[in-house]
Amino acid sequence: MKAWLPVALVSLTLVGCQMMEPGPPPERIEVIDIGDPQRPDVERPDAERPAPTPGRIARQVAFPASEYAALPKSGTAAISGRLSLNGTPGTGETISVAPVTTYSAEAAEHALAGRAVEPADPRAREYTHTARTDGNGNFSLQGLPPGEFYVSGSVVNPSNGQRQVILRQVSLRNGQRLEVNLSR
């Protein structure tokens, strides 16, 4: 593990590549295409990167294509669990399972500080698994690869109307079934 990761992840139990900004629940996950869709394997120079999305922190870590290329996209592991805030289930919310990389660690660090980063590079979606919670906040994801992952979800806090991100970091082996409680 990189020397700076423990500091950024001390109170982190899990994180996603893409964080949602505070406010009312989004209707959908926002995705901004970065890169040439005809050449997804080619990274764009910094000068060609689009301006950051208003209200979000610009990413300082470029998408590490070679780091992601070494990761498996599927496997036989599974994660299930429940998303809740102060005992209230997070119903109809998106749960993300993203590999721990230098790219996702940057988003985790900002999320822990309560800041949203610009949307993730579309190539990261190939490695990020998502599910929706049911009426009781329960979720289940199958076909996950082995490795280190951030599991994340967000819930609107009824006391202040702010969206709060809940993160956990987990390690998976092929064939493993893991229960993850995303609660605060």
C-alpha atoms as a PDB file:
ATOM      1  CA  MET A   1       0.000   0.000   0.000  1.00  0.00           C
ATOM      2  CA  LYS A   2       1.293   3.474  -0.849  1.00  0.00           C
ATOM      3  CA  ALA A   3       2.630   5.442   2.147  1.00  0.00           C
ATOM      4  CA  TRP A   4       0.045   8.248   1.781  1.00  0.00           C
ATOM      5  CA  LEU A   5      -2.965   5.919   1.568  1.00  0.00           C
ATOM      6  CA  PRO A   6      -3.147   5.069   5.290  1.00  0.00           C
ATOM      7  CA  VAL A   7      -3.393   8.770   6.139  1.00  0.00           C
ATOM      8  CA  ALA A   8      -6.116   9.378   3.575  1.00  0.00           C
ATOM      9  CA  LEU A   9      -8.009   6.263   4.569  1.00  0.00           C
ATOM     10  CA  VAL A  10      -7.573   6.179   8.359  1.00  0.00           C
ATOM     11  CA  SER A  11     -11.262   6.617   9.132  1.00  0.00           C
ATOM     12  CA  LEU A  12     -12.305   5.232   5.777  1.00  0.00           C
ATOM     13  CA  THR A  13     -13.901   1.903   5.710  1.00  0.00           C
ATOM     14  CA  LEU A  14     -15.039   2.191   2.056  1.00  0.00           C
ATOM     15  CA  VAL A  15     -15.203   4.635  -0.857  1.00  0.00           C
ATOM     16  CA  GLY A  16     -16.393   4.937  -4.442  1.00  0.00           C
ATOM     17  CA  CYS A  17     -14.854   6.418  -7.529  1.00  0.00           C
ATOM     18  CA  GLN A  18     -17.553   8.927  -7.939  1.00  0.00           C
ATOM     19  CA  MET A  19     -19.082  10.894  -5.083  1.00  0.00           C
ATOM     20  CA  MET A  20     -22.470  12.614  -5.102  1.00  0.00           C
ATOM     21  CA  GLU A  21     -22.660  16.259  -4.209  1.00  0.00           C
ATOM     22  CA  PRO A  22     -24.692  17.431  -1.200  1.00  0.00           C
ATOM     23  CA  GLY A  23     -28.307  18.364  -1.766  1.00  0.00           C
ATOM     24  CA  PRO A  24     -31.476  16.582  -2.774  1.00  0.00           C
ATOM     25  CA  PRO A  25     -31.135  13.042  -4.119  1.00  0.00           C
ATOM     26  CA  PRO A  26     -30.046  13.013  -7.750  1.00  0.00           C
ATOM     27  CA  GLU A  27     -32.375  11.583 -10.371  1.00  0.00           C
ATOM     28  CA  ARG A  28     -29.467   9.721 -11.948  1.00  0.00           C
ATOM     29  CA  ILE A  29     -25.718   9.361 -11.618  1.00  0.00           C
ATOM     30  CA  GLU A  30     -23.988  12.113 -13.541  1.00  0.00           C
ATOM     31  CA  VAL A  31     -21.350  10.974 -16.008  1.00  0.00           C
ATOM     32  CA  ILE A  32     -19.152  13.267 -18.040  1.00  0.00           C
ATOM     33  CA  ASP A  33     -17.210  11.741 -20.897  1.00  0.00           C
ATOM     34  CA  ILE A  34     -13.517  12.540 -20.798  1.00  0.00           C
ATOM     35  CA  GLY A  35     -11.396  11.195 -23.596  1.00  0.00           C
ATOM     36  CA  ASP A  36     -11.955  10.209 -27.163  1.00  0.00           C
ATOM     37  CA  PRO A  37     -14.674   7.525 -27.376  1.00  0.00           C
ATOM     38  CA  GLN A  38     -12.925   6.193 -30.478  1.00  0.00           C
ATOM     39  CA  ARG A  39      -9.668   5.730 -28.510  1.00  0.00           C
ATOM     40  CA  PRO A  40     -10.534   4.863 -24.870  1.00  0.00           C
ATOM     41  CA  ASP A  41      -7.013   3.463 -24.377  1.00  0.00           C
ATOM     42  CA  VAL A  42      -5.361   6.843 -24.983  1.00  0.00           C
ATOM     43  CA  GLU A  43      -5.110   9.313 -22.093  1.00  0.00           C
ATOM     44  CA  ARG A  44      -5.748  12.943 -22.890  1.00  0.00           C
ATOM     45  CA  PRO A  45      -3.060  15.504 -22.029  1.00  0.00           C
ATOM     46  CA  ASP A  46      -3.818  17.863 -19.146  1.00  0.00           C
ATOM     47  CA  ALA A  47      -4.324  20.741 -21.572  1.00  0.00           C
ATOM     48  CA  GLU A  48      -7.249  18.875 -23.136  1.00  0.00           C
ATOM     49  CA  ARG A  49      -9.053  18.021 -19.911  1.00  0.00           C
ATOM     50  CA  PRO A  50     -12.457  19.665 -19.605  1.00  0.00           C
ATOM     51  CA  ALA A  51     -13.076  22.294 -16.929  1.00  0.00           C
ATOM     52  CA  PRO A  52     -14.307  20.846 -13.618  1.00  0.00           C
ATOM     53  CA  THR A  53     -18.031  20.562 -13.000  1.00  0.00           C
ATOM     54  CA  PRO A  54     -19.287  23.580 -11.001  1.00  0.00           C
ATOM     55  CA  GLY A  55     -19.498  22.828  -7.276  1.00  0.00           C
ATOM     56  CA  ARG A  56     -17.027  19.947  -7.509  1.00  0.00           C
ATOM     57  CA  ILE A  57     -13.310  19.640  -6.831  1.00  0.00           C
ATOM     58  CA  ALA A  58     -11.115  19.092  -9.914  1.00  0.00           C
ATOM     59  CA  ARG A  59      -9.284  15.772  -9.904  1.00  0.00           C
ATOM     60  CA  GLN A  60      -5.530  16.032  -9.503  1.00  0.00           C
ATOM     61  CA  VAL A  61      -4.865  12.354 -10.246  1.00  0.00           C
ATOM     62  CA  ALA A  62      -5.177  11.469 -13.926  1.00  0.00           C
ATOM     63  CA  PHE A  63      -6.973   8.250 -14.774  1.00  0.00           C
ATOM     64  CA  PRO A  64      -4.276   5.536 -14.454  1.00  0.00           C
ATOM     65  CA  ALA A  65      -5.148   3.351 -17.447  1.00  0.00           C
ATOM     66  CA  SER A  66      -2.311   0.879 -16.805  1.00  0.00           C
ATOM     67  CA  GLU A  67      -3.270   0.465 -13.125  1.00  0.00           C
ATOM     68  CA  TYR A  68      -6.874  -0.323 -14.089  1.00  0.00           C
ATOM     69  CA  ALA A  69      -5.835  -2.584 -16.991  1.00  0.00           C
ATOM     70  CA  ALA A  70      -4.151  -4.906 -14.471  1.00  0.00           C
ATOM     71  CA  LEU A  71      -7.441  -5.337 -12.526  1.00  0.00           C
ATOM     72  CA  PRO A  72     -10.001  -8.067 -13.202  1.00  0.00           C
ATOM     73  CA  LYS A  73     -13.502  -6.849 -14.090  1.00  0.00           C
ATOM     74  CA  SER A  74     -15.457  -9.831 -12.790  1.00  0.00           C
ATOM     75  CA  GLY A  75     -15.185 -12.837 -10.526  1.00  0.00           C
ATOM     76  CA  THR A  76     -17.200 -15.038  -8.189  1.00  0.00           C
ATOM     77  CA  ALA A  77     -17.338 -12.893  -5.031  1.00  0.00           C
ATOM     78  CA  ALA A  78     -20.491 -11.236  -3.692  1.00  0.00           C
ATOM     79  CA  ILE A  79     -21.324  -8.397  -1.329  1.00  0.00           C
ATOM     80  CA  SER A  80     -24.661  -7.844   0.354  1.00  0.00           C
ATOM     81  CA  GLY A  81     -25.706  -5.525   3.143  1.00  0.00           C
ATOM     82  CA  ARG A  82     -27.823  -2.604   4.253  1.00  0.00           C
ATOM     83  CA  LEU A  83     -27.554   1.175   3.866  1.00  0.00           C
ATOM     84  CA  SER A  84     -28.954   3.296   6.715  1.00  0.00           C
ATOM     85  CA  LEU A  85     -28.519   6.607   8.494  1.00  0.00           C
ATOM     86  CA  ASN A  86     -29.524   6.929  12.150  1.00  0.00           C
ATOM     87  CA  GLY A  87     -31.505   3.702  11.807  1.00  0.00           C
ATOM     88  CA  THR A  88     -33.502   4.916   8.791  1.00  0.00           C
ATOM     89  CA  PRO A  89     -32.972   2.761   5.688  1.00  0.00           C
ATOM     90  CA  GLY A  90     -31.569   4.330   2.536  1.00  0.00           C
ATOM     91  CA  THR A  91     -34.242   3.229   0.082  1.00  0.00           C
ATOM     92  CA  GLY A  92     -33.749   3.413  -3.680  1.00  0.00           C
ATOM     93  CA  GLU A  93     -30.144   4.557  -3.323  1.00  0.00           C
ATOM     94  CA  THR A  94     -27.155   3.546  -5.463  1.00  0.00           C
ATOM     95  CA  ILE A  95     -24.431   1.405  -3.909  1.00  0.00           C
ATOM     96  CA  SER A  96     -21.046   1.464  -5.663  1.00  0.00           C
ATOM     97  CA  VAL A  97     -18.236  -1.064  -5.372  1.00  0.00           C
ATOM     98  CA  ALA A  98     -15.038   0.374  -6.869  1.00  0.00           C
ATOM     99  CA  PRO A  99     -11.474  -0.976  -6.810  1.00  0.00           C
ATOM    100  CA  VAL A 100      -8.975   0.756  -4.536  1.00  0.00           C
ATOM    101  CA  THR A 101      -6.606   2.643  -6.846  1.00  0.00           C
ATOM    102  CA  THR A 102      -4.659   5.893  -6.692  1.00  0.00           C
ATOM    103  CA  TYR A 103      -7.560   7.421  -8.652  1.00  0.00           C
ATOM    104  CA  SER A 104     -10.349   6.241  -6.335  1.00  0.00           C
ATOM    105  CA  ALA A 105      -8.287   7.049  -3.215  1.00  0.00           C
ATOM    106  CA  GLU A 106      -8.289  10.718  -4.245  1.00  0.00           C
ATOM    107  CA  ALA A 107     -12.106  10.693  -4.387  1.00  0.00           C
ATOM    108  CA  ALA A 108     -12.199   8.930  -1.001  1.00  0.00           C
ATOM    109  CA  GLU A 109     -10.008  11.570   0.605  1.00  0.00           C
ATOM    110  CA  HIS A 110     -12.277  14.371  -0.613  1.00  0.00           C
ATOM    111  CA  ALA A 111     -15.436  12.473   0.378  1.00  0.00           C
ATOM    112  CA  LEU A 112     -14.121  12.082   3.921  1.00  0.00           C
ATOM    113  CA  ALA A 113     -13.647  15.844   4.019  1.00  0.00           C
ATOM    114  CA  GLY A 114     -17.233  16.380   2.807  1.00  0.00           C
ATOM    115  CA  ARG A 115     -16.246  17.575  -0.674  1.00  0.00           C
ATOM    116  CA  ALA A 116     -17.450  16.193  -4.007  1.00  0.00           C
ATOM    117  CA  VAL A 117     -14.982  15.607  -6.831  1.00  0.00           C
ATOM    118  CA  GLU A 118     -15.745  15.900 -10.501  1.00  0.00           C
ATOM    119  CA  PRO A 119     -17.292  12.746 -12.005  1.00  0.00           C
ATOM    120  CA  ALA A 120     -15.021   9.782 -12.627  1.00  0.00           C
ATOM    121  CA  ASP A 121     -13.469   9.032 -15.980  1.00  0.00           C
ATOM    122  CA  PRO A 122     -15.889   6.827 -17.960  1.00  0.00           C
ATOM    123  CA  ARG A 123     -13.232   4.096 -18.189  1.00  0.00           C
ATOM    124  CA  ALA A 124     -13.516   3.628 -14.405  1.00  0.00           C
ATOM    125  CA  ARG A 125     -17.163   2.524 -14.889  1.00  0.00           C
ATOM    126  CA  GLU A 126     -15.930  -0.729 -16.432  1.00  0.00           C
ATOM    127  CA  TYR A 127     -14.490  -1.626 -13.009  1.00  0.00           C
ATOM    128  CA  THR A 128     -17.220  -0.139 -10.796  1.00  0.00           C
ATOM    129  CA  HIS A 129     -20.157  -2.357  -9.857  1.00  0.00           C
ATOM    130  CA  THR A 130     -23.459  -0.798  -8.768  1.00  0.00           C
ATOM    131  CA  ALA A 131     -26.769  -1.885  -7.266  1.00  0.00           C
ATOM    132  CA  ARG A 132     -29.916  -0.175  -5.964  1.00  0.00           C
ATOM    133  CA  THR A 133     -31.148  -0.585  -2.414  1.00  0.00           C
ATOM    134  CA  ASP A 134     -34.631  -1.991  -1.800  1.00  0.00           C
ATOM    135  CA  GLY A 135     -37.335  -0.512   0.461  1.00  0.00           C
ATOM    136  CA  ASN A 136     -35.436  -1.660   3.553  1.00  0.00           C
ATOM    137  CA  GLY A 137     -32.046  -0.347   2.393  1.00  0.00           C
ATOM    138  CA  ASN A 138     -30.794  -3.840   1.501  1.00  0.00           C
ATOM    139  CA  PHE A 139     -28.489  -4.419  -1.465  1.00  0.00           C
ATOM    140  CA  SER A 140     -26.685  -7.297  -3.158  1.00  0.00           C
ATOM    141  CA  LEU A 141     -23.942  -7.438  -5.790  1.00  0.00           C
ATOM    142  CA  GLN A 142     -22.767 -10.653  -7.485  1.00  0.00           C
ATOM    143  CA  GLY A 143     -19.923 -11.496  -9.878  1.00  0.00           C
ATOM    144  CA  LEU A 144     -17.352  -9.294  -8.165  1.00  0.00           C
ATOM    145  CA  PRO A 145     -13.631  -9.830  -8.813  1.00  0.00           C
ATOM    146  CA  PRO A 146     -11.095 -10.452  -6.049  1.00  0.00           C
ATOM    147  CA  GLY A 147      -9.222  -7.437  -4.676  1.00  0.00           C
ATOM    148  CA  GLU A 148      -9.464  -4.364  -2.476  1.00  0.00           C
ATOM    149  CA  PHE A 149     -12.646  -2.298  -2.875  1.00  0.00           C
ATOM    150  CA  TYR A 150     -14.445   0.767  -1.632  1.00  0.00           C
ATOM    151  CA  VAL A 151     -18.147   0.144  -0.997  1.00  0.00           C
ATOM    152  CA  SER A 152     -20.139   3.367  -0.818  1.00  0.00           C
ATOM    153  CA  GLY A 153     -23.632   4.730  -0.655  1.00  0.00           C
ATOM    154  CA  SER A 154     -25.225   8.017   0.306  1.00  0.00           C
ATOM    155  CA  VAL A 155     -28.372   8.966   2.181  1.00  0.00           C
ATOM    156  CA  VAL A 156     -30.144  12.280   2.742  1.00  0.00           C
ATOM    157  CA  ASN A 157     -30.024  13.215   6.423  1.00  0.00           C
ATOM    158  CA  PRO A 158     -33.620  14.200   7.313  1.00  0.00           C
ATOM    159  CA  SER A 159     -32.413  16.488  10.102  1.00  0.00           C
ATOM    160  CA  ASN A 160     -30.538  18.846   7.747  1.00  0.00           C
ATOM    161  CA  GLY A 161     -31.417  17.758   4.193  1.00  0.00           C
ATOM    162  CA  GLN A 162     -27.745  17.132   3.386  1.00  0.00           C
ATOM    163  CA  ARG A 163     -26.623  14.032   1.508  1.00  0.00           C
ATOM    164  CA  GLN A 164     -24.117  12.013   3.549  1.00  0.00           C
ATOM    165  CA  VAL A 165     -21.706   9.511   2.023  1.00  0.00           C
ATOM    166  CA  ILE A 166     -21.032   6.287   3.918  1.00  0.00           C
ATOM    167  CA  LEU A 167     -17.915   4.338   2.912  1.00  0.00           C
ATOM    168  CA  ARG A 168     -16.291   1.030   3.817  1.00  0.00           C
ATOM    169  CA  GLN A 169     -13.096  -0.574   2.509  1.00  0.00           C
ATOM    170  CA  VAL A 170     -13.154  -4.341   2.023  1.00  0.00           C
ATOM    171  CA  SER A 171     -10.958  -7.120   0.698  1.00  0.00           C
ATOM    172  CA  LEU A 172     -12.538  -9.855  -1.438  1.00  0.00           C
ATOM    173  CA  ARG A 173     -11.383 -13.297  -2.550  1.00  0.00           C
ATOM    174  CA  ASN A 174     -12.986 -15.216  -5.410  1.00  0.00           C
ATOM    175  CA  GLY A 175     -15.970 -17.176  -4.119  1.00  0.00           C
ATOM    176  CA  GLN A 176     -16.235 -15.077  -0.936  1.00  0.00           C
ATOM    177  CA  ARG A 177     -19.628 -13.826   0.300  1.00  0.00           C
ATOM    178  CA  LEU A 178     -19.285 -10.670   2.413  1.00  0.00           C
ATOM    179  CA  GLU A 179     -21.859  -8.745   4.479  1.00  0.00           C
ATOM    180  CA  VAL A 180     -21.223  -4.978   4.553  1.00  0.00           C
ATOM    181  CA  ASN A 181     -23.153  -2.664   6.860  1.00  0.00           C
ATOM    182  CA  LEU A 182     -23.185   0.880   5.470  1.00  0.00           C
ATOM    183  CA  SER A 183     -24.592   2.790   8.413  1.00  0.00           C
ATOM    184  CA  ARG A 184     -23.960   5.802  10.551  1.00  0.00           C
END
